Amino acid sequence: MKHRFMPALLLTAATLWTGCGDHRTPVVVYSPHGRDLLLLIEQRYEALHPDIDVRWLDMGSQEVYDRVRSERANPQGDVWFGGPDTIFARGATDGLLAAYRPSWADAVPERSRGPNDLYFGVYRTPPVLVYNSDALRPEQAPHDWDDLLDPKWKGRIVIRDPLASGTMRVIFGMILARSVAQTGDEQAGWNWLRRLDASTSEYAQNPALFYEKLVRQEALVSAWDLTDILLQQKMGSPIGYTFPTSGTPVIDDAIGLIKGAPHPAAAKAFIDWVGERDAVTLAADKAFRLPTRTDLPADALPAWAQRALREMVPARVDWNLMAEKGSEWMAKWDRTVRGRGQE
């Protein structure tokens, strides 16, 4: 009995821990990675470990954090798999993660390791600028962040709701952190976000609605993460992308052991496997995930990944500032910017 297709909020402790009648050990994974990757990981891992039952709940990055935090007194999940390290940093500060150093830890750069072995980056996820490729030619599409503010896109932009999306929180955080770095305060960043809001037709509550708006040409341009756009292209969606010329905040997509996990030994073994060479190359080949590991030769990666490594320009971002101020910034954005850009 699997529970992956049920809405996350309907999954109670009873349904999560009720066995399948086969005496396997469950590993409950909270993740924003989506069905394609999670089903791939589940099937491969269970084939290698027939005594394990991987049970995953697919939800937004912020929703994973909220759920782990709400369950702090009685944890129901074992592994927090996926999301920007800025959100993992908040989880570490809140005491939601347990220290565990996976077998592959030394293969990822220092910047991809959380403090005190609380989390480690598995994949690198670059946000990109996206557009409807039926309506626009590549040269007509935005090629840098400021291009989104061009008046010609007024009412033609859809944005994934940043309160639920780790990717959008990183993009908005980059804009504000860039403002601090360039001017000494946040004001220019807030002005930028207000101008974007004035041109935004909708903040989509989930990825499905986001893609629907783009495919139907109810909106023409946006920003989102490369992985999901490549998956949409694979399914035939007319969505193209460009790497921002001034740089993109490449997200370290992390994994960590939930503090008080009901099945810690099985969870640690799962974390060890997720970052192994075979597992990350499988994810790159089948689910468009760019490994964080630095010990993989370029020819071990698929063509899309080699292109990404050639074309993307990692932006210089104050990740510590974004982790420190992220929640405050999003609360202020929701209170003073959302729907008020016209003012």
C-alpha atoms as a PDB file:
ATOM      1  CA  MET A   1       0.000   0.000   0.000  1.00  0.00           C
ATOM      2  CA  LYS A   2       1.561   3.302  -1.106  1.00  0.00           C
ATOM      3  CA  HIS A   3       0.478   6.755   0.020  1.00  0.00           C
ATOM      4  CA  ARG A   4       2.411   8.938  -2.389  1.00  0.00           C
ATOM      5  CA  PHE A   5      -0.618  10.025  -4.397  1.00  0.00           C
ATOM      6  CA  MET A   6      -2.640  11.278  -1.414  1.00  0.00           C
ATOM      7  CA  PRO A   7      -2.500  14.977  -0.502  1.00  0.00           C
ATOM      8  CA  ALA A   8       0.201  15.462   2.084  1.00  0.00           C
ATOM      9  CA  LEU A   9      -2.063  17.042   4.670  1.00  0.00           C
ATOM     10  CA  LEU A  10      -4.339  13.999   4.631  1.00  0.00           C
ATOM     11  CA  LEU A  11      -1.517  11.674   5.538  1.00  0.00           C
ATOM     12  CA  THR A  12      -1.802  11.027   9.250  1.00  0.00           C
ATOM     13  CA  ALA A  13       0.602   9.137  11.437  1.00  0.00           C
ATOM     14  CA  ALA A  14      -1.698   6.139  11.252  1.00  0.00           C
ATOM     15  CA  THR A  15      -1.621   5.947   7.462  1.00  0.00           C
ATOM     16  CA  LEU A  16       2.118   6.527   7.320  1.00  0.00           C
ATOM     17  CA  TRP A  17       3.032   3.842   9.764  1.00  0.00           C
ATOM     18  CA  THR A  18       0.408   1.253   8.916  1.00  0.00           C
ATOM     19  CA  GLY A  19       2.422  -1.543   7.347  1.00  0.00           C
ATOM     20  CA  CYS A  20       1.966  -3.039   3.936  1.00  0.00           C
ATOM     21  CA  GLY A  21       1.731  -6.528   5.374  1.00  0.00           C
ATOM     22  CA  ASP A  22       5.137  -7.458   3.960  1.00  0.00           C
ATOM     23  CA  HIS A  23       7.248  -6.608   7.052  1.00  0.00           C
ATOM     24  CA  ARG A  24       9.475  -4.181   5.141  1.00  0.00           C
ATOM     25  CA  THR A  25      11.007  -1.206   6.963  1.00  0.00           C
ATOM     26  CA  PRO A  26       9.472   2.074   5.784  1.00  0.00           C
ATOM     27  CA  VAL A  27      11.552   5.139   4.974  1.00  0.00           C
ATOM     28  CA  VAL A  28       9.298   8.201   4.819  1.00  0.00           C
ATOM     29  CA  VAL A  29      10.690  10.941   2.580  1.00  0.00           C
ATOM     30  CA  TYR A  30       9.401  14.523   2.519  1.00  0.00           C
ATOM     31  CA  SER A  31      10.410  16.143  -0.766  1.00  0.00           C
ATOM     32  CA  PRO A  32       9.600  18.845  -3.348  1.00  0.00           C
ATOM     33  CA  HIS A  33      11.331  16.844  -6.098  1.00  0.00           C
ATOM     34  CA  GLY A  34       8.190  15.735  -7.909  1.00  0.00           C
ATOM     35  CA  ARG A  35       6.809  12.413  -9.044  1.00  0.00           C
ATOM     36  CA  ASP A  36       9.308  11.761 -11.843  1.00  0.00           C
ATOM     37  CA  LEU A  37      12.395  11.749  -9.655  1.00  0.00           C
ATOM     38  CA  LEU A  38      10.768  10.346  -6.529  1.00  0.00           C
ATOM     39  CA  LEU A  39       9.234   7.379  -8.327  1.00  0.00           C
ATOM     40  CA  LEU A  40      12.548   6.721 -10.077  1.00  0.00           C
ATOM     41  CA  ILE A  41      14.429   6.804  -6.767  1.00  0.00           C
ATOM     42  CA  GLU A  42      11.844   4.628  -5.041  1.00  0.00           C
ATOM     43  CA  GLN A  43      11.838   1.928  -7.698  1.00  0.00           C
ATOM     44  CA  ARG A  44      15.627   1.731  -8.018  1.00  0.00           C
ATOM     45  CA  TYR A  45      16.262   1.800  -4.274  1.00  0.00           C
ATOM     46  CA  GLU A  46      13.633  -0.822  -3.469  1.00  0.00           C
ATOM     47  CA  ALA A  47      15.047  -3.063  -6.207  1.00  0.00           C
ATOM     48  CA  LEU A  48      18.449  -2.848  -4.520  1.00  0.00           C
ATOM     49  CA  HIS A  49      17.018  -3.071  -0.996  1.00  0.00           C
ATOM     50  CA  PRO A  50      13.955  -5.327  -1.037  1.00  0.00           C
ATOM     51  CA  ASP A  51      13.616  -5.035   2.753  1.00  0.00           C
ATOM     52  CA  ILE A  52      12.853  -1.278   2.454  1.00  0.00           C
ATOM     53  CA  ASP A  53       9.568   0.429   1.577  1.00  0.00           C
ATOM     54  CA  VAL A  54      10.227   3.994   0.380  1.00  0.00           C
ATOM     55  CA  ARG A  55       7.192   6.205   1.011  1.00  0.00           C
ATOM     56  CA  TRP A  56       7.378   9.756  -0.294  1.00  0.00           C
ATOM     57  CA  LEU A  57       5.271  12.859   0.081  1.00  0.00           C
ATOM     58  CA  ASP A  58       5.619  15.420  -2.704  1.00  0.00           C
ATOM     59  CA  MET A  59       5.071  19.038  -1.610  1.00  0.00           C
ATOM     60  CA  GLY A  60       6.667  22.462  -2.030  1.00  0.00           C
ATOM     61  CA  SER A  61       9.969  23.287  -0.357  1.00  0.00           C
ATOM     62  CA  GLN A  62       8.386  25.670   2.124  1.00  0.00           C
ATOM     63  CA  GLU A  63       5.641  23.140   2.820  1.00  0.00           C
ATOM     64  CA  VAL A  64       8.252  20.499   3.672  1.00  0.00           C
ATOM     65  CA  TYR A  65       9.849  22.874   6.164  1.00  0.00           C
ATOM     66  CA  ASP A  66       6.462  23.740   7.668  1.00  0.00           C
ATOM     67  CA  ARG A  67       5.527  20.086   8.008  1.00  0.00           C
ATOM     68  CA  VAL A  68       8.809  19.015   9.624  1.00  0.00           C
ATOM     69  CA  ARG A  69       8.549  21.950  12.000  1.00  0.00           C
ATOM     70  CA  SER A  70       4.936  21.173  12.921  1.00  0.00           C
ATOM     71  CA  GLU A  71       5.898  17.550  13.652  1.00  0.00           C
ATOM     72  CA  ARG A  72       8.933  18.458  15.736  1.00  0.00           C
ATOM     73  CA  ALA A  73       7.446  17.038  18.942  1.00  0.00           C
ATOM     74  CA  ASN A  74       6.453  13.799  17.208  1.00  0.00           C
ATOM     75  CA  PRO A  75       8.385  13.318  13.936  1.00  0.00           C
ATOM     76  CA  GLN A  76       6.636  11.309  11.242  1.00  0.00           C
ATOM     77  CA  GLY A  77       9.228  11.641   8.451  1.00  0.00           C
ATOM     78  CA  ASP A  78      12.695  10.148   8.185  1.00  0.00           C
ATOM     79  CA  VAL A  79      14.408  12.069   5.389  1.00  0.00           C
ATOM     80  CA  TRP A  80      14.124  15.677   4.199  1.00  0.00           C
ATOM     81  CA  PHE A  81      15.089  15.339   0.533  1.00  0.00           C
ATOM     82  CA  GLY A  82      15.297  18.426  -1.624  1.00  0.00           C
ATOM     83  CA  GLY A  83      14.997  22.179  -1.353  1.00  0.00           C
ATOM     84  CA  PRO A  84      17.373  25.151  -1.286  1.00  0.00           C
ATOM     85  CA  ASP A  85      20.023  25.097   1.392  1.00  0.00           C
ATOM     86  CA  THR A  86      18.615  28.429   2.608  1.00  0.00           C
ATOM     87  CA  ILE A  87      15.526  26.544   3.811  1.00  0.00           C
ATOM     88  CA  PHE A  88      17.677  23.744   5.225  1.00  0.00           C
ATOM     89  CA  ALA A  89      19.653  26.408   7.112  1.00  0.00           C
ATOM     90  CA  ARG A  90      16.420  27.504   8.778  1.00  0.00           C
ATOM     91  CA  GLY A  91      15.671  23.892   9.618  1.00  0.00           C
ATOM     92  CA  ALA A  92      19.120  23.535  11.154  1.00  0.00           C
ATOM     93  CA  THR A  93      18.644  26.689  13.236  1.00  0.00           C
ATOM     94  CA  ASP A  94      15.266  25.415  14.417  1.00  0.00           C
ATOM     95  CA  GLY A  95      16.725  22.073  15.493  1.00  0.00           C
ATOM     96  CA  LEU A  96      14.784  20.045  12.918  1.00  0.00           C
ATOM     97  CA  LEU A  97      17.760  18.065  11.582  1.00  0.00           C
ATOM     98  CA  ALA A  98      20.084  15.458  13.069  1.00  0.00           C
ATOM     99  CA  ALA A  99      23.777  15.327  12.241  1.00  0.00           C
ATOM    100  CA  TYR A 100      24.757  12.676   9.734  1.00  0.00           C
ATOM    101  CA  ARG A 101      27.761  12.707   7.409  1.00  0.00           C
ATOM    102  CA  PRO A 102      26.996  10.567   4.347  1.00  0.00           C
ATOM    103  CA  SER A 103      29.583   8.385   2.662  1.00  0.00           C
ATOM    104  CA  TRP A 104      29.870  10.804  -0.296  1.00  0.00           C
ATOM    105  CA  ALA A 105      30.311  13.996   1.759  1.00  0.00           C
ATOM    106  CA  ASP A 106      33.911  14.610   0.679  1.00  0.00           C
ATOM    107  CA  ALA A 107      32.883  14.572  -2.999  1.00  0.00           C
ATOM    108  CA  VAL A 108      30.846  17.789  -2.708  1.00  0.00           C
ATOM    109  CA  PRO A 109      32.441  21.230  -2.274  1.00  0.00           C
ATOM    110  CA  GLU A 110      32.617  22.908   1.104  1.00  0.00           C
ATOM    111  CA  ARG A 111      29.935  25.449   0.126  1.00  0.00           C
ATOM    112  CA  SER A 112      27.487  22.568  -0.389  1.00  0.00           C
ATOM    113  CA  ARG A 113      27.837  21.259   3.147  1.00  0.00           C
ATOM    114  CA  GLY A 114      25.661  22.461   6.003  1.00  0.00           C
ATOM    115  CA  PRO A 115      27.063  23.264   9.432  1.00  0.00           C
ATOM    116  CA  ASN A 116      27.800  20.390  11.797  1.00  0.00           C
ATOM    117  CA  ASP A 117      26.963  17.752   9.148  1.00  0.00           C
ATOM    118  CA  LEU A 118      23.252  18.619   9.329  1.00  0.00           C
ATOM    119  CA  TYR A 119      22.658  18.640   5.540  1.00  0.00           C
ATOM    120  CA  PHE A 120      24.537  18.228   2.264  1.00  0.00           C
ATOM    121  CA  GLY A 121      23.877  19.306  -1.313  1.00  0.00           C
ATOM    122  CA  VAL A 122      22.998  16.483  -3.717  1.00  0.00           C
ATOM    123  CA  TYR A 123      22.011  18.418  -6.849  1.00  0.00           C
ATOM    124  CA  ARG A 124      22.660  21.902  -8.245  1.00  0.00           C
ATOM    125  CA  THR A 125      19.508  23.615  -9.488  1.00  0.00           C
ATOM    126  CA  PRO A 126      19.892  26.781 -11.586  1.00  0.00           C
ATOM    127  CA  PRO A 127      16.852  29.062 -11.942  1.00  0.00           C
ATOM    128  CA  VAL A 128      16.342  30.169 -15.541  1.00  0.00           C
ATOM    129  CA  LEU A 129      14.162  32.582 -17.482  1.00  0.00           C
ATOM    130  CA  VAL A 130      11.342  30.769 -19.279  1.00  0.00           C
ATOM    131  CA  TYR A 131       8.969  31.564 -22.124  1.00  0.00           C
ATOM    132  CA  ASN A 132       6.302  30.037 -24.336  1.00  0.00           C
ATOM    133  CA  SER A 133       8.280  28.843 -27.357  1.00  0.00           C
ATOM    134  CA  ASP A 134       5.209  28.759 -29.613  1.00  0.00           C
ATOM    135  CA  ALA A 135       4.595  32.464 -29.054  1.00  0.00           C
ATOM    136  CA  LEU A 136       8.179  33.741 -28.843  1.00  0.00           C
ATOM    137  CA  ARG A 137      11.410  33.102 -30.678  1.00  0.00           C
ATOM    138  CA  PRO A 138      14.532  32.676 -28.500  1.00  0.00           C
ATOM    139  CA  GLU A 139      15.818  36.124 -29.413  1.00  0.00           C
ATOM    140  CA  GLN A 140      12.488  37.673 -28.293  1.00  0.00           C
ATOM    141  CA  ALA A 141      12.586  36.079 -24.855  1.00  0.00           C
ATOM    142  CA  PRO A 142      14.047  37.693 -21.728  1.00  0.00           C
ATOM    143  CA  HIS A 143      17.778  37.086 -21.358  1.00  0.00           C
ATOM    144  CA  ASP A 144      18.408  38.667 -17.972  1.00  0.00           C
ATOM    145  CA  TRP A 145      16.477  39.384 -14.794  1.00  0.00           C
ATOM    146  CA  ASP A 146      15.901  43.057 -15.563  1.00  0.00           C
ATOM    147  CA  ASP A 147      14.345  42.082 -18.903  1.00  0.00           C
ATOM    148  CA  LEU A 148      11.291  40.899 -16.949  1.00  0.00           C
ATOM    149  CA  LEU A 149      10.585  44.541 -16.092  1.00  0.00           C
ATOM    150  CA  ASP A 150      10.191  45.549 -19.745  1.00  0.00           C
ATOM    151  CA  PRO A 151       6.697  47.127 -20.139  1.00  0.00           C
ATOM    152  CA  LYS A 152       5.955  44.771 -23.058  1.00  0.00           C
ATOM    153  CA  TRP A 153       5.523  41.921 -20.525  1.00  0.00           C
ATOM    154  CA  LYS A 154       2.938  43.764 -18.457  1.00  0.00           C
ATOM    155  CA  GLY A 155       0.136  41.291 -17.692  1.00  0.00           C
ATOM    156  CA  ARG A 156       2.031  38.501 -19.485  1.00  0.00           C
ATOM    157  CA  ILE A 157       4.048  37.189 -16.527  1.00  0.00           C
ATOM    158  CA  VAL A 158       3.049  34.314 -14.261  1.00  0.00           C
ATOM    159  CA  ILE A 159       5.042  33.639 -11.080  1.00  0.00           C
ATOM    160  CA  ARG A 160       4.980  30.582  -8.846  1.00  0.00           C
ATOM    161  CA  ASP A 161       3.786  31.747  -5.427  1.00  0.00           C
ATOM    162  CA  PRO A 162       7.015  32.405  -3.495  1.00  0.00           C
ATOM    163  CA  LEU A 163       5.420  31.652  -0.138  1.00  0.00           C
ATOM    164  CA  ALA A 164       5.251  27.967  -1.153  1.00  0.00           C
ATOM    165  CA  SER A 165       8.229  27.803  -3.508  1.00  0.00           C
ATOM    166  CA  GLY A 166      11.852  27.555  -2.441  1.00  0.00           C
ATOM    167  CA  THR A 167      12.984  28.425  -5.969  1.00  0.00           C
ATOM    168  CA  MET A 168      11.086  31.706  -6.058  1.00  0.00           C
ATOM    169  CA  ARG A 169      12.215  32.579  -2.546  1.00  0.00           C
ATOM    170  CA  VAL A 170      15.801  32.212  -3.745  1.00  0.00           C
ATOM    171  CA  ILE A 171      15.175  34.403  -6.815  1.00  0.00           C
ATOM    172  CA  PHE A 172      13.457  37.122  -4.775  1.00  0.00           C
ATOM    173  CA  GLY A 173      16.129  36.823  -2.102  1.00  0.00           C
ATOM    174  CA  MET A 174      18.831  37.256  -4.730  1.00  0.00           C
ATOM    175  CA  ILE A 175      17.202  40.496  -5.918  1.00  0.00           C
ATOM    176  CA  LEU A 176      17.137  41.898  -2.379  1.00  0.00           C
ATOM    177  CA  ALA A 177      20.628  40.670  -1.484  1.00  0.00           C
ATOM    178  CA  ARG A 178      21.934  42.179  -4.738  1.00  0.00           C
ATOM    179  CA  SER A 179      20.385  45.484  -3.723  1.00  0.00           C
ATOM    180  CA  VAL A 180      22.164  45.390  -0.372  1.00  0.00           C
ATOM    181  CA  ALA A 181      25.483  44.548  -2.037  1.00  0.00           C
ATOM    182  CA  GLN A 182      25.192  47.291  -4.656  1.00  0.00           C
ATOM    183  CA  THR A 183      23.562  50.145  -2.719  1.00  0.00           C
ATOM    184  CA  GLY A 184      23.935  49.305   0.970  1.00  0.00           C
ATOM    185  CA  ASP A 185      20.223  48.763   1.616  1.00  0.00           C
ATOM    186  CA  GLU A 186      17.193  46.844   0.341  1.00  0.00           C
ATOM    187  CA  GLN A 187      15.203  49.694  -1.216  1.00  0.00           C
ATOM    188  CA  ALA A 188      16.249  49.123  -4.833  1.00  0.00           C
ATOM    189  CA  GLY A 189      15.357  45.453  -4.455  1.00  0.00           C
ATOM    190  CA  TRP A 190      11.899  46.249  -3.134  1.00  0.00           C
ATOM    191  CA  ASN A 191      11.354  48.674  -6.005  1.00  0.00           C
ATOM    192  CA  TRP A 192      12.362  45.913  -8.445  1.00  0.00           C
ATOM    193  CA  LEU A 193       9.915  43.457  -6.895  1.00  0.00           C
ATOM    194  CA  ARG A 194       7.108  46.025  -6.990  1.00  0.00           C
ATOM    195  CA  ARG A 195       7.718  46.602 -10.690  1.00  0.00           C
ATOM    196  CA  LEU A 196       7.639  42.844 -11.267  1.00  0.00           C
ATOM    197  CA  ASP A 197       4.399  42.596  -9.309  1.00  0.00           C
ATOM    198  CA  ALA A 198       2.854  45.309 -11.465  1.00  0.00           C
ATOM    199  CA  SER A 199       3.467  43.153 -14.552  1.00  0.00           C
ATOM    200  CA  THR A 200       2.486  39.822 -12.980  1.00  0.00           C
ATOM    201  CA  SER A 201      -0.914  38.455 -13.926  1.00  0.00           C
ATOM    202  CA  GLU A 202      -0.984  35.695 -11.315  1.00  0.00           C
ATOM    203  CA  TYR A 203       0.960  33.946  -8.554  1.00  0.00           C
ATOM    204  CA  ALA A 204       0.296  30.274  -9.285  1.00  0.00           C
ATOM    205  CA  GLN A 205      -0.409  28.188  -6.205  1.00  0.00           C
ATOM    206  CA  ASN A 206       1.185  25.021  -7.611  1.00  0.00           C
ATOM    207  CA  PRO A 207       3.438  24.019 -10.514  1.00  0.00           C
ATOM    208  CA  ALA A 208       0.568  22.480 -12.505  1.00  0.00           C
ATOM    209  CA  LEU A 209      -1.267  25.812 -12.656  1.00  0.00           C
ATOM    210  CA  PHE A 210       1.999  27.581 -13.436  1.00  0.00           C
ATOM    211  CA  TYR A 211       2.663  25.388 -16.482  1.00  0.00           C
ATOM    212  CA  GLU A 212      -0.963  25.593 -17.585  1.00  0.00           C
ATOM    213  CA  LYS A 213      -0.797  29.391 -17.757  1.00  0.00           C
ATOM    214  CA  LEU A 214       2.367  29.252 -19.865  1.00  0.00           C
ATOM    215  CA  VAL A 215       1.219  26.488 -22.215  1.00  0.00           C
ATOM    216  CA  ARG A 216      -2.139  28.173 -22.864  1.00  0.00           C
ATOM    217  CA  GLN A 217      -0.363  31.494 -23.484  1.00  0.00           C
ATOM    218  CA  GLU A 218      -2.316  33.109 -20.673  1.00  0.00           C
ATOM    219  CA  ALA A 219       1.184  34.236 -19.715  1.00  0.00           C
ATOM    220  CA  LEU A 220       4.278  34.284 -21.905  1.00  0.00           C
ATOM    221  CA  VAL A 221       7.302  34.608 -19.625  1.00  0.00           C
ATOM    222  CA  SER A 222       8.455  33.751 -16.135  1.00  0.00           C
ATOM    223  CA  ALA A 223      11.344  32.353 -14.112  1.00  0.00           C
ATOM    224  CA  TRP A 224      11.613  28.836 -12.762  1.00  0.00           C
ATOM    225  CA  ASP A 225      14.136  26.056 -12.222  1.00  0.00           C
ATOM    226  CA  LEU A 226      15.877  24.338 -15.121  1.00  0.00           C
ATOM    227  CA  THR A 227      15.047  20.803 -14.008  1.00  0.00           C
ATOM    228  CA  ASP A 228      11.298  21.269 -14.177  1.00  0.00           C
ATOM    229  CA  ILE A 229      11.499  23.073 -17.516  1.00  0.00           C
ATOM    230  CA  LEU A 230      13.479  20.202 -19.055  1.00  0.00           C
ATOM    231  CA  LEU A 231      10.885  17.745 -17.750  1.00  0.00           C
ATOM    232  CA  GLN A 232       8.135  19.841 -19.354  1.00  0.00           C
ATOM    233  CA  GLN A 233      10.011  19.883 -22.650  1.00  0.00           C
ATOM    234  CA  LYS A 234      10.363  16.107 -22.483  1.00  0.00           C
ATOM    235  CA  MET A 235       6.564  15.879 -22.202  1.00  0.00           C
ATOM    236  CA  GLY A 236       6.157  18.114 -25.257  1.00  0.00           C
ATOM    237  CA  SER A 237       5.268  21.400 -23.572  1.00  0.00           C
ATOM    238  CA  PRO A 238       6.184  24.481 -25.656  1.00  0.00           C
ATOM    239  CA  ILE A 239       8.378  26.037 -22.969  1.00  0.00           C
ATOM    240  CA  GLY A 240      11.849  27.359 -23.710  1.00  0.00           C
ATOM    241  CA  TYR A 241      14.507  28.778 -21.401  1.00  0.00           C
ATOM    242  CA  THR A 242      17.527  31.053 -21.292  1.00  0.00           C
ATOM    243  CA  PHE A 243      20.271  31.387 -18.705  1.00  0.00           C
ATOM    244  CA  PRO A 244      20.351  34.926 -17.230  1.00  0.00           C
ATOM    245  CA  THR A 245      23.419  36.644 -18.638  1.00  0.00           C
ATOM    246  CA  SER A 246      24.296  38.438 -15.400  1.00  0.00           C
ATOM    247  CA  GLY A 247      24.221  35.196 -13.430  1.00  0.00           C
ATOM    248  CA  THR A 248      21.787  32.882 -11.707  1.00  0.00           C
ATOM    249  CA  PRO A 249      21.668  31.874  -8.025  1.00  0.00           C
ATOM    250  CA  VAL A 250      22.574  28.199  -8.414  1.00  0.00           C
ATOM    251  CA  ILE A 251      20.727  26.377  -5.640  1.00  0.00           C
ATOM    252  CA  ASP A 252      22.357  23.618  -3.653  1.00  0.00           C
ATOM    253  CA  ASP A 253      19.501  21.116  -3.453  1.00  0.00           C
ATOM    254  CA  ALA A 254      20.115  19.366  -0.160  1.00  0.00           C
ATOM    255  CA  ILE A 255      19.244  16.279   1.866  1.00  0.00           C
ATOM    256  CA  GLY A 256      19.205  15.749   5.618  1.00  0.00           C
ATOM    257  CA  LEU A 257      18.158  13.363   8.369  1.00  0.00           C
ATOM    258  CA  ILE A 258      15.075  14.541  10.266  1.00  0.00           C
ATOM    259  CA  LYS A 259      15.758  14.800  13.989  1.00  0.00           C
ATOM    260  CA  GLY A 260      13.926  12.045  15.826  1.00  0.00           C
ATOM    261  CA  ALA A 261      13.329  10.072  12.616  1.00  0.00           C
ATOM    262  CA  PRO A 262      11.354   6.889  13.411  1.00  0.00           C
ATOM    263  CA  HIS A 263      13.718   4.766  11.269  1.00  0.00           C
ATOM    264  CA  PRO A 264      17.148   6.427  11.568  1.00  0.00           C
ATOM    265  CA  ALA A 265      19.306   3.487  10.424  1.00  0.00           C
ATOM    266  CA  ALA A 266      17.250   2.945   7.267  1.00  0.00           C
ATOM    267  CA  ALA A 267      17.138   6.710   6.670  1.00  0.00           C
ATOM    268  CA  LYS A 268      20.937   7.003   6.870  1.00  0.00           C
ATOM    269  CA  ALA A 269      21.386   4.150   4.408  1.00  0.00           C
ATOM    270  CA  PHE A 270      18.959   5.868   2.024  1.00  0.00           C
ATOM    271  CA  ILE A 271      20.874   9.170   2.282  1.00  0.00           C
ATOM    272  CA  ASP A 272      24.130   7.336   1.591  1.00  0.00           C
ATOM    273  CA  TRP A 273      22.686   5.826  -1.587  1.00  0.00           C
ATOM    274  CA  VAL A 274      21.077   9.018  -2.928  1.00  0.00           C
ATOM    275  CA  GLY A 275      24.462  10.707  -3.272  1.00  0.00           C
ATOM    276  CA  GLU A 276      26.370   7.756  -4.710  1.00  0.00           C
ATOM    277  CA  ARG A 277      27.768   8.050  -8.252  1.00  0.00           C
ATOM    278  CA  ASP A 278      25.314   5.577  -9.747  1.00  0.00           C
ATOM    279  CA  ALA A 279      22.346   7.314  -8.111  1.00  0.00           C
ATOM    280  CA  VAL A 280      23.265  10.862  -9.152  1.00  0.00           C
ATOM    281  CA  THR A 281      24.071   9.850 -12.730  1.00  0.00           C
ATOM    282  CA  LEU A 282      20.738   8.005 -12.863  1.00  0.00           C
ATOM    283  CA  ALA A 283      19.001  11.184 -11.697  1.00  0.00           C
ATOM    284  CA  ALA A 284      20.898  13.216 -14.301  1.00  0.00           C
ATOM    285  CA  ASP A 285      20.022  10.823 -17.140  1.00  0.00           C
ATOM    286  CA  LYS A 286      16.366  10.268 -16.275  1.00  0.00           C
ATOM    287  CA  ALA A 287      15.232  13.282 -14.252  1.00  0.00           C
ATOM    288  CA  PHE A 288      17.476  16.216 -15.309  1.00  0.00           C
ATOM    289  CA  ARG A 289      19.294  16.664 -12.001  1.00  0.00           C
ATOM    290  CA  LEU A 290      22.730  18.264 -12.087  1.00  0.00           C
ATOM    291  CA  PRO A 291      24.977  16.537  -9.527  1.00  0.00           C
ATOM    292  CA  THR A 292      26.724  18.549  -6.847  1.00  0.00           C
ATOM    293  CA  ARG A 293      29.602  16.067  -6.806  1.00  0.00           C
ATOM    294  CA  THR A 294      32.771  17.459  -8.342  1.00  0.00           C
ATOM    295  CA  ASP A 295      34.476  14.119  -9.021  1.00  0.00           C
ATOM    296  CA  LEU A 296      32.379  13.149 -12.062  1.00  0.00           C
ATOM    297  CA  PRO A 297      33.971  13.535 -15.521  1.00  0.00           C
ATOM    298  CA  ALA A 298      31.965  15.691 -17.929  1.00  0.00           C
ATOM    299  CA  ASP A 299      31.452  12.796 -20.342  1.00  0.00           C
ATOM    300  CA  ALA A 300      29.687  10.882 -17.564  1.00  0.00           C
ATOM    301  CA  LEU A 301      26.871  13.447 -17.736  1.00  0.00           C
ATOM    302  CA  PRO A 302      24.137  13.757 -20.398  1.00  0.00           C
ATOM    303  CA  ALA A 303      24.213  16.456 -23.061  1.00  0.00           C
ATOM    304  CA  TRP A 304      21.758  18.760 -21.274  1.00  0.00           C
ATOM    305  CA  ALA A 305      24.008  18.799 -18.183  1.00  0.00           C
ATOM    306  CA  GLN A 306      27.123  19.510 -20.227  1.00  0.00           C
ATOM    307  CA  ARG A 307      25.293  22.440 -21.858  1.00  0.00           C
ATOM    308  CA  ALA A 308      24.246  23.773 -18.453  1.00  0.00           C
ATOM    309  CA  LEU A 309      27.806  23.634 -17.175  1.00  0.00           C
ATOM    310  CA  ARG A 310      28.975  25.543 -20.270  1.00  0.00           C
ATOM    311  CA  GLU A 311      26.297  28.226 -20.340  1.00  0.00           C
ATOM    312  CA  MET A 312      25.177  29.007 -16.809  1.00  0.00           C
ATOM    313  CA  VAL A 313      26.905  31.804 -14.924  1.00  0.00           C
ATOM    314  CA  PRO A 314      26.653  31.278 -11.153  1.00  0.00           C
ATOM    315  CA  ALA A 315      25.711  34.578  -9.534  1.00  0.00           C
ATOM    316  CA  ARG A 316      27.633  35.889  -6.556  1.00  0.00           C
ATOM    317  CA  VAL A 317      25.025  35.768  -3.820  1.00  0.00           C
ATOM    318  CA  ASP A 318      25.177  36.402  -0.080  1.00  0.00           C
ATOM    319  CA  TRP A 319      23.593  33.098   0.919  1.00  0.00           C
ATOM    320  CA  ASN A 320      24.079  33.798   4.622  1.00  0.00           C
ATOM    321  CA  LEU A 321      22.111  37.034   4.345  1.00  0.00           C
ATOM    322  CA  MET A 322      19.372  35.251   2.382  1.00  0.00           C
ATOM    323  CA  ALA A 323      19.129  32.510   5.001  1.00  0.00           C
ATOM    324  CA  GLU A 324      19.040  35.063   7.820  1.00  0.00           C
ATOM    325  CA  LYS A 325      16.507  37.427   6.269  1.00  0.00           C
ATOM    326  CA  GLY A 326      14.512  35.114   3.998  1.00  0.00           C
ATOM    327  CA  SER A 327      11.449  34.621   6.213  1.00  0.00           C
ATOM    328  CA  GLU A 328      11.313  38.305   7.116  1.00  0.00           C
ATOM    329  CA  TRP A 329      11.619  39.316   3.480  1.00  0.00           C
ATOM    330  CA  MET A 330       8.853  36.993   2.324  1.00  0.00           C
ATOM    331  CA  ALA A 331       6.509  38.167   5.057  1.00  0.00           C
ATOM    332  CA  LYS A 332       7.171  41.776   4.060  1.00  0.00           C
ATOM    333  CA  TRP A 333       6.731  40.940   0.360  1.00  0.00           C
ATOM    334  CA  ASP A 334       3.361  39.296   1.066  1.00  0.00           C
ATOM    335  CA  ARG A 335       2.256  42.225   3.205  1.00  0.00           C
ATOM    336  CA  THR A 336       3.504  45.167   1.166  1.00  0.00           C
ATOM    337  CA  VAL A 337       4.199  44.053  -2.431  1.00  0.00           C
ATOM    338  CA  ARG A 338       1.856  41.262  -3.551  1.00  0.00           C
ATOM    339  CA  GLY A 339      -0.896  42.806  -5.644  1.00  0.00           C
ATOM    340  CA  ARG A 340       0.278  46.340  -4.825  1.00  0.00           C
ATOM    341  CA  GLY A 341       2.820  46.944  -7.570  1.00  0.00           C
ATOM    342  CA  GLN A 342       0.436  49.269  -9.411  1.00  0.00           C
ATOM    343  CA  GLU A 343       0.462  51.589  -6.398  1.00  0.00           C
END
